[in-house]
Amino acid sequence: MSVIVVEFLTLDGVVEDPDGSGGTAIGGWAFRHGPEAVAGDKFRLGERLDTGTLLLGRTTWELFAKLWPGRTGEFPDRLNAARKLVASRTLADVSGWQNSTLLQGDLAEEVRRHEHDVIVIGSIGIAQELGRAGLVDEYRLLVFPSVAGAGRRLFEAPADLALVSVTRVGPAVLSTYRTR
């Protein structure tokens, strides 16, 4: 079992509000590069979506539950069919997006007990908490040629990572890192 964090990222390390749905002053930086820049399986998750579990926070889950159920195609079909675990203190019902289940108990303990790969998409707070607990095995970061100047960053403290690969994906670069 591996824990993989996937995030859109600016050159200056900001992960907050890539699509502008958060209403921040810096929001929408990823989508300024056109819809093809963020469409499809840019993080190269492939079959991991079939066999793993998506771990989403409330905000990301609510956004995705509005966007993805009505879409079809190879990537949307995989995303919609994937198992989804939702970490939320306020949601009581996650039936709005198929295969979604509320996480019960402690986040880190639930992830430690999980038998399948866990894929964290967006959900900055969850990614940070799992990183602090030493549970993240891999970061897949799609780095856009944008500088936000302000906003939440994925890494709150120095991180010791090993570069695994770098691939150009449209206007962005997919960088994969393993934790040491």
Foldseek 3Di string as FASTA:
>chain_A
DAEEEEAEAEPVFAGPACCCPVVDPLHVVQCVLPPQSPDDPPLPCPCLLVWAEEEEEPVVLVVCLVPQPVDDDDRSVSNQPGAYEYEYPPDDDSVSGPNYDYDPDDLLVVLVPDDGYYYYYRRLVSLLVCVVVVRHFKYWYWYAHDDRPDHDGSDPDDFDWDWDDWDDRRRTITTMIGGD
